[in-house]
Amino acid sequence: MKNFIFLFSFSILFQSCFSYKTVDYNNIAIEKKQKFEVSGLGGKNIKGRLVSKNEQLMILENNGQLQEMPVSEIYEVKVRKFSILKSAGLLGATYATVVVVIAAVLIMALAGA
């Protein structure tokens, strides 16, 4: 029972309230400084905050380093967006975990008494 609760709470903690949505390269707004995940044709993937983009090149910053990806090599561009459903699911799962833990403690206490 303790292992189940530990694994369940561990999986809840590592869920994210964000998800990546595929966007068209031409519809990217530079001013927002959003986080992107770019997949290249040769299997090269980079994540980071958008610094600049033009007709030939997309530049992302990740941990203080600039990474460049030529537009001709870009396969897919995904932007990080806040997910209300994941956030609500996280809150619901946390509430359910608390209820299960309290019920398990009460059952153990009543069984021991």
N, C-alpha and C. Protein backbone atom coordinates (compact mmCIF):
# COMPACT_ATOMS: atom_id res chain seq x y z
N MET A 1 0.83 -1.19 0.00
CA MET A 1 0.00 0.00 0.00
C MET A 1 0.87 1.26 0.00
N LYS A 2 1.94 1.23 0.80
CA LYS A 2 2.83 2.40 0.86
C LYS A 2 3.53 2.61 -0.47
N ASN A 3 3.92 1.50 -1.12
CA ASN A 3 4.58 1.62 -2.43
C ASN A 3 3.64 2.22 -3.46
N PHE A 4 2.38 1.81 -3.42
CA PHE A 4 1.40 2.34 -4.37
C PHE A 4 1.22 3.85 -4.17
N ILE A 5 1.09 4.26 -2.93
CA ILE A 5 0.90 5.68 -2.64
C ILE A 5 2.13 6.48 -3.07
N PHE A 6 3.32 5.93 -2.80
CA PHE A 6 4.56 6.59 -3.19
C PHE A 6 4.65 6.74 -4.71
N LEU A 7 4.38 5.66 -5.44
CA LEU A 7 4.45 5.72 -6.90
C LEU A 7 3.39 6.65 -7.48
N PHE A 8 2.21 6.63 -6.91
CA PHE A 8 1.14 7.50 -7.39
C PHE A 8 1.49 8.97 -7.17
N SER A 9 1.98 9.30 -5.98
CA SER A 9 2.34 10.69 -5.71
C SER A 9 3.55 11.11 -6.53
N PHE A 10 4.48 10.20 -6.77
CA PHE A 10 5.65 10.49 -7.60
C PHE A 10 5.23 10.82 -9.03
N SER A 11 4.29 10.07 -9.58
CA SER A 11 3.83 10.33 -10.95
C SER A 11 3.07 11.65 -11.04
N ILE A 12 2.36 12.02 -10.00
CA ILE A 12 1.63 13.29 -10.00
C ILE A 12 2.61 14.46 -9.96
N LEU A 13 3.65 14.35 -9.17
CA LEU A 13 4.60 15.45 -9.04
C LEU A 13 5.34 15.73 -10.33
N PHE A 14 5.56 14.73 -11.16
CA PHE A 14 6.33 14.93 -12.38
C PHE A 14 5.47 15.19 -13.61
N GLN A 15 4.18 15.41 -13.42
CA GLN A 15 3.36 15.87 -14.53
C GLN A 15 3.58 17.36 -14.68
N SER A 16 3.37 17.84 -15.88
CA SER A 16 3.59 19.25 -16.12
C SER A 16 2.27 19.93 -16.43
N CYS A 17 2.17 21.19 -16.09
CA CYS A 17 0.98 21.97 -16.42
C CYS A 17 1.13 22.58 -17.81
N PHE A 18 2.17 22.22 -18.51
CA PHE A 18 2.42 22.74 -19.84
C PHE A 18 2.46 21.60 -20.84
N SER A 19 2.17 21.94 -22.09
CA SER A 19 2.31 20.98 -23.17
C SER A 19 2.81 21.73 -24.40
N TYR A 20 3.32 20.99 -25.36
CA TYR A 20 3.83 21.59 -26.58
C TYR A 20 2.83 21.39 -27.71
N LYS A 21 2.49 22.47 -28.39
CA LYS A 21 1.55 22.45 -29.51
C LYS A 21 2.29 22.82 -30.79
N THR A 22 2.02 22.09 -31.85
CA THR A 22 2.67 22.36 -33.14
C THR A 22 2.13 23.66 -33.72
N VAL A 23 3.04 24.49 -34.22
CA VAL A 23 2.67 25.78 -34.83
C VAL A 23 3.34 25.90 -36.19
N ASP A 24 2.81 26.80 -37.00
CA ASP A 24 3.40 27.10 -38.30
C ASP A 24 4.54 28.10 -38.10
N TYR A 25 5.66 27.86 -38.75
CA TYR A 25 6.84 28.71 -38.59
C TYR A 25 6.53 30.17 -38.94
N ASN A 26 5.70 30.41 -39.93
CA ASN A 26 5.40 31.77 -40.38
C ASN A 26 4.51 32.53 -39.40
N ASN A 27 3.84 31.83 -38.48
CA ASN A 27 2.92 32.48 -37.54
C ASN A 27 3.51 32.68 -36.15
N ILE A 28 4.82 32.58 -36.03
CA ILE A 28 5.48 32.74 -34.74
C ILE A 28 5.73 34.21 -34.47
N ALA A 29 5.29 34.67 -33.29
CA ALA A 29 5.53 36.06 -32.88
C ALA A 29 6.82 36.13 -32.08
N ILE A 30 7.75 36.97 -32.50
CA ILE A 30 9.06 37.08 -31.87
C ILE A 30 8.98 37.83 -30.53
N GLU A 31 8.08 38.77 -30.42
CA GLU A 31 8.02 39.63 -29.25
C GLU A 31 7.71 38.89 -27.96
N LYS A 32 7.03 37.75 -28.03
CA LYS A 32 6.58 37.06 -26.83
C LYS A 32 7.68 36.32 -26.09
N LYS A 33 8.78 36.01 -26.73
CA LYS A 33 9.89 35.27 -26.11
C LYS A 33 9.40 33.94 -25.53
N GLN A 34 8.63 33.21 -26.29
CA GLN A 34 8.08 31.94 -25.85
C GLN A 34 9.12 30.83 -25.91
N LYS A 35 8.82 29.72 -25.24
CA LYS A 35 9.70 28.56 -25.28
C LYS A 35 9.25 27.65 -26.42
N PHE A 36 10.23 27.15 -27.16
CA PHE A 36 9.96 26.32 -28.33
C PHE A 36 10.74 25.02 -28.26
N GLU A 37 10.22 24.04 -28.97
CA GLU A 37 10.92 22.79 -29.22
C GLU A 37 10.94 22.61 -30.74
N VAL A 38 12.15 22.56 -31.31
CA VAL A 38 12.29 22.49 -32.76
C VAL A 38 12.91 21.14 -33.12
N SER A 39 12.24 20.43 -34.02
CA SER A 39 12.75 19.15 -34.52
C SER A 39 13.31 19.36 -35.91
N GLY A 40 14.52 18.87 -36.12
CA GLY A 40 15.17 19.00 -37.41
C GLY A 40 15.04 17.73 -38.24
N LEU A 41 15.34 17.85 -39.52
CA LEU A 41 15.25 16.72 -40.43
C LEU A 41 16.27 15.63 -40.11
N GLY A 42 17.44 15.98 -39.68
CA GLY A 42 18.48 15.01 -39.39
C GLY A 42 18.41 14.44 -37.99
N GLY A 43 17.30 14.62 -37.30
CA GLY A 43 17.17 14.12 -35.93
C GLY A 43 17.67 15.10 -34.89
N LYS A 44 18.07 16.29 -35.30
CA LYS A 44 18.55 17.31 -34.37
C LYS A 44 17.34 17.99 -33.73
N ASN A 45 17.31 17.98 -32.40
CA ASN A 45 16.23 18.62 -31.66
C ASN A 45 16.82 19.66 -30.72
N ILE A 46 16.21 20.84 -30.68
CA ILE A 46 16.65 21.86 -29.74
C ILE A 46 15.43 22.45 -29.04
N LYS A 47 15.63 22.79 -27.77
CA LYS A 47 14.60 23.46 -26.97
C LYS A 47 15.19 24.77 -26.48
N GLY A 48 14.32 25.76 -26.33
CA GLY A 48 14.79 27.01 -25.77
C GLY A 48 13.84 28.15 -26.03
N ARG A 49 14.25 29.30 -25.55
CA ARG A 49 13.46 30.53 -25.71
C ARG A 49 13.87 31.20 -27.02
N LEU A 50 12.88 31.63 -27.78
CA LEU A 50 13.12 32.24 -29.08
C LEU A 50 13.85 33.57 -28.92
N VAL A 51 14.98 33.70 -29.63
CA VAL A 51 15.74 34.94 -29.64
C VAL A 51 15.39 35.72 -30.90
N SER A 52 15.50 35.05 -32.06
CA SER A 52 15.13 35.70 -33.31
C SER A 52 14.85 34.64 -34.37
N LYS A 53 14.18 35.09 -35.42
CA LYS A 53 13.92 34.23 -36.58
C LYS A 53 13.85 35.11 -37.80
N ASN A 54 14.24 34.54 -38.93
CA ASN A 54 14.10 35.24 -40.20
C ASN A 54 13.83 34.20 -41.29
N GLU A 55 14.02 34.57 -42.53
CA GLU A 55 13.71 33.68 -43.64
C GLU A 55 14.62 32.45 -43.69
N GLN A 56 15.85 32.56 -43.18
CA GLN A 56 16.81 31.46 -43.30
C GLN A 56 17.16 30.77 -41.98
N LEU A 57 16.95 31.43 -40.84
CA LEU A 57 17.50 30.93 -39.59
C LEU A 57 16.58 31.19 -38.41
N MET A 58 16.55 30.24 -37.47
CA MET A 58 15.83 30.39 -36.20
C MET A 58 16.86 30.24 -35.09
N ILE A 59 16.90 31.19 -34.16
CA ILE A 59 17.88 31.17 -33.08
C ILE A 59 17.15 31.05 -31.75
N LEU A 60 17.54 30.04 -30.96
CA LEU A 60 16.96 29.79 -29.65
C LEU A 60 18.05 29.88 -28.59
N GLU A 61 17.66 30.30 -27.39
CA GLU A 61 18.59 30.36 -26.26
C GLU A 61 18.20 29.29 -25.25
N ASN A 62 19.18 28.48 -24.85
CA ASN A 62 18.94 27.44 -23.85
C ASN A 62 20.13 27.44 -22.89
N ASN A 63 19.86 27.73 -21.62
CA ASN A 63 20.90 27.78 -20.58
C ASN A 63 22.04 28.73 -20.95
N GLY A 64 21.71 29.88 -21.50
CA GLY A 64 22.71 30.88 -21.84
C GLY A 64 23.45 30.64 -23.14
N GLN A 65 23.17 29.55 -23.82
CA GLN A 65 23.84 29.26 -25.09
C GLN A 65 22.87 29.47 -26.24
N LEU A 66 23.37 30.09 -27.31
CA LEU A 66 22.54 30.29 -28.50
C LEU A 66 22.67 29.08 -29.41
N GLN A 67 21.54 28.60 -29.87
CA GLN A 67 21.51 27.47 -30.79
C GLN A 67 20.78 27.90 -32.05
N GLU A 68 21.35 27.57 -33.20
CA GLU A 68 20.78 27.99 -34.48
C GLU A 68 20.26 26.77 -35.23
N MET A 69 19.16 26.98 -35.95
CA MET A 69 18.60 25.93 -36.80
C MET A 69 18.19 26.58 -38.11
N PRO A 70 18.79 26.16 -39.22
CA PRO A 70 18.38 26.69 -40.52
C PRO A 70 16.93 26.29 -40.82
N VAL A 71 16.18 27.20 -41.40
CA VAL A 71 14.76 26.95 -41.71
C VAL A 71 14.63 25.77 -42.67
N SER A 72 15.58 25.59 -43.57
CA SER A 72 15.50 24.48 -44.53
C SER A 72 15.61 23.12 -43.86
N GLU A 73 16.14 23.06 -42.62
CA GLU A 73 16.30 21.80 -41.90
C GLU A 73 15.23 21.57 -40.84
N ILE A 74 14.30 22.52 -40.69
CA ILE A 74 13.27 22.40 -39.66
C ILE A 74 12.16 21.48 -40.15
N TYR A 75 11.86 20.46 -39.33
CA TYR A 75 10.78 19.53 -39.64
C TYR A 75 9.50 19.95 -38.93
N GLU A 76 9.62 20.33 -37.64
CA GLU A 76 8.44 20.66 -36.84
C GLU A 76 8.83 21.68 -35.77
N VAL A 77 7.93 22.64 -35.53
CA VAL A 77 8.12 23.64 -34.49
C VAL A 77 6.95 23.54 -33.53
N LYS A 78 7.28 23.40 -32.23
CA LYS A 78 6.24 23.32 -31.20
C LYS A 78 6.47 24.43 -30.19
N VAL A 79 5.38 25.06 -29.76
CA VAL A 79 5.44 26.12 -28.76
C VAL A 79 4.86 25.60 -27.45
N ARG A 80 5.46 26.01 -26.33
CA ARG A 80 4.99 25.58 -25.01
C ARG A 80 3.79 26.43 -24.61
N LYS A 81 2.70 25.75 -24.24
CA LYS A 81 1.48 26.45 -23.84
C LYS A 81 1.00 25.89 -22.51
N PHE A 82 0.35 26.75 -21.74
CA PHE A 82 -0.23 26.35 -20.47
C PHE A 82 -1.47 25.50 -20.74
N SER A 83 -1.60 24.39 -20.05
CA SER A 83 -2.72 23.48 -20.24
C SER A 83 -3.63 23.51 -19.01
N ILE A 84 -4.84 24.01 -19.19
CA ILE A 84 -5.80 24.07 -18.08
C ILE A 84 -6.23 22.66 -17.67
N LEU A 85 -6.40 21.76 -18.64
CA LEU A 85 -6.82 20.40 -18.33
C LEU A 85 -5.77 19.66 -17.50
N LYS A 86 -4.51 19.81 -17.85
CA LYS A 86 -3.46 19.16 -17.07
C LYS A 86 -3.39 19.74 -15.66
N SER A 87 -3.57 21.04 -15.54
CA SER A 87 -3.54 21.67 -14.22
C SER A 87 -4.70 21.19 -13.36
N ALA A 88 -5.89 21.12 -13.96
CA ALA A 88 -7.06 20.64 -13.22
C ALA A 88 -6.88 19.17 -12.84
N GLY A 89 -6.32 18.38 -13.75
CA GLY A 89 -6.06 16.98 -13.45
C GLY A 89 -5.07 16.82 -12.33
N LEU A 90 -4.06 17.66 -12.31
CA LEU A 90 -3.05 17.62 -11.25
C LEU A 90 -3.69 17.93 -9.90
N LEU A 91 -4.54 18.95 -9.86
CA LEU A 91 -5.22 19.31 -8.61
C LEU A 91 -6.15 18.19 -8.16
N GLY A 92 -6.90 17.62 -9.10
CA GLY A 92 -7.81 16.53 -8.77
C GLY A 92 -7.08 15.30 -8.28
N ALA A 93 -5.98 14.97 -8.94
CA ALA A 93 -5.20 13.80 -8.53
C ALA A 93 -4.56 14.01 -7.16
N THR A 94 -4.12 15.23 -6.88
CA THR A 94 -3.55 15.53 -5.57
C THR A 94 -4.62 15.38 -4.48
N TYR A 95 -5.82 15.90 -4.75
CA TYR A 95 -6.92 15.77 -3.81
C TYR A 95 -7.26 14.31 -3.57
N ALA A 96 -7.34 13.52 -4.65
CA ALA A 96 -7.66 12.10 -4.54
C ALA A 96 -6.59 11.36 -3.73
N THR A 97 -5.34 11.71 -3.94
CA THR A 97 -4.25 11.08 -3.20
C THR A 97 -4.37 11.38 -1.71
N VAL A 98 -4.68 12.61 -1.38
CA VAL A 98 -4.84 12.99 0.03
C VAL A 98 -5.99 12.21 0.66
N VAL A 99 -7.10 12.07 -0.05
CA VAL A 99 -8.25 11.33 0.45
C VAL A 99 -7.90 9.87 0.66
N VAL A 100 -7.18 9.27 -0.30
CA VAL A 100 -6.78 7.86 -0.18
C VAL A 100 -5.85 7.66 1.01
N VAL A 101 -4.90 8.55 1.19
CA VAL A 101 -3.96 8.43 2.31
C VAL A 101 -4.69 8.56 3.64
N ILE A 102 -5.59 9.53 3.75
CA ILE A 102 -6.35 9.71 4.99
C ILE A 102 -7.21 8.48 5.26
N ALA A 103 -7.87 7.95 4.24
CA ALA A 103 -8.70 6.76 4.41
C ALA A 103 -7.85 5.57 4.83
N ALA A 104 -6.67 5.41 4.24
CA ALA A 104 -5.80 4.29 4.60
C ALA A 104 -5.34 4.41 6.05
N VAL A 105 -5.01 5.61 6.48
CA VAL A 105 -4.58 5.83 7.87
C VAL A 105 -5.72 5.54 8.83
N LEU A 106 -6.93 5.96 8.49
CA LEU A 106 -8.09 5.71 9.35
C LEU A 106 -8.39 4.21 9.44
N ILE A 107 -8.30 3.51 8.31
CA ILE A 107 -8.57 2.07 8.30
C ILE A 107 -7.54 1.34 9.15
N MET A 108 -6.27 1.74 9.01
CA MET A 108 -5.22 1.11 9.81
C MET A 108 -5.41 1.39 11.31
N ALA A 109 -5.83 2.62 11.63
CA ALA A 109 -6.03 2.98 13.02
C ALA A 109 -7.22 2.20 13.62
N LEU A 110 -8.29 2.04 12.85
CA LEU A 110 -9.46 1.31 13.34
C LEU A 110 -9.17 -0.19 13.42
N ALA A 111 -8.37 -0.70 12.53
CA ALA A 111 -8.05 -2.13 12.55
C ALA A 111 -7.14 -2.44 13.74
N GLY A 112 -6.31 -1.50 14.12
CA GLY A 112 -5.39 -1.71 15.24
C GLY A 112 -6.08 -1.51 16.59
N ALA A 113 -7.21 -0.83 16.61
CA ALA A 113 -7.88 -0.51 17.88
C ALA A 113 -8.77 -1.60 18.37
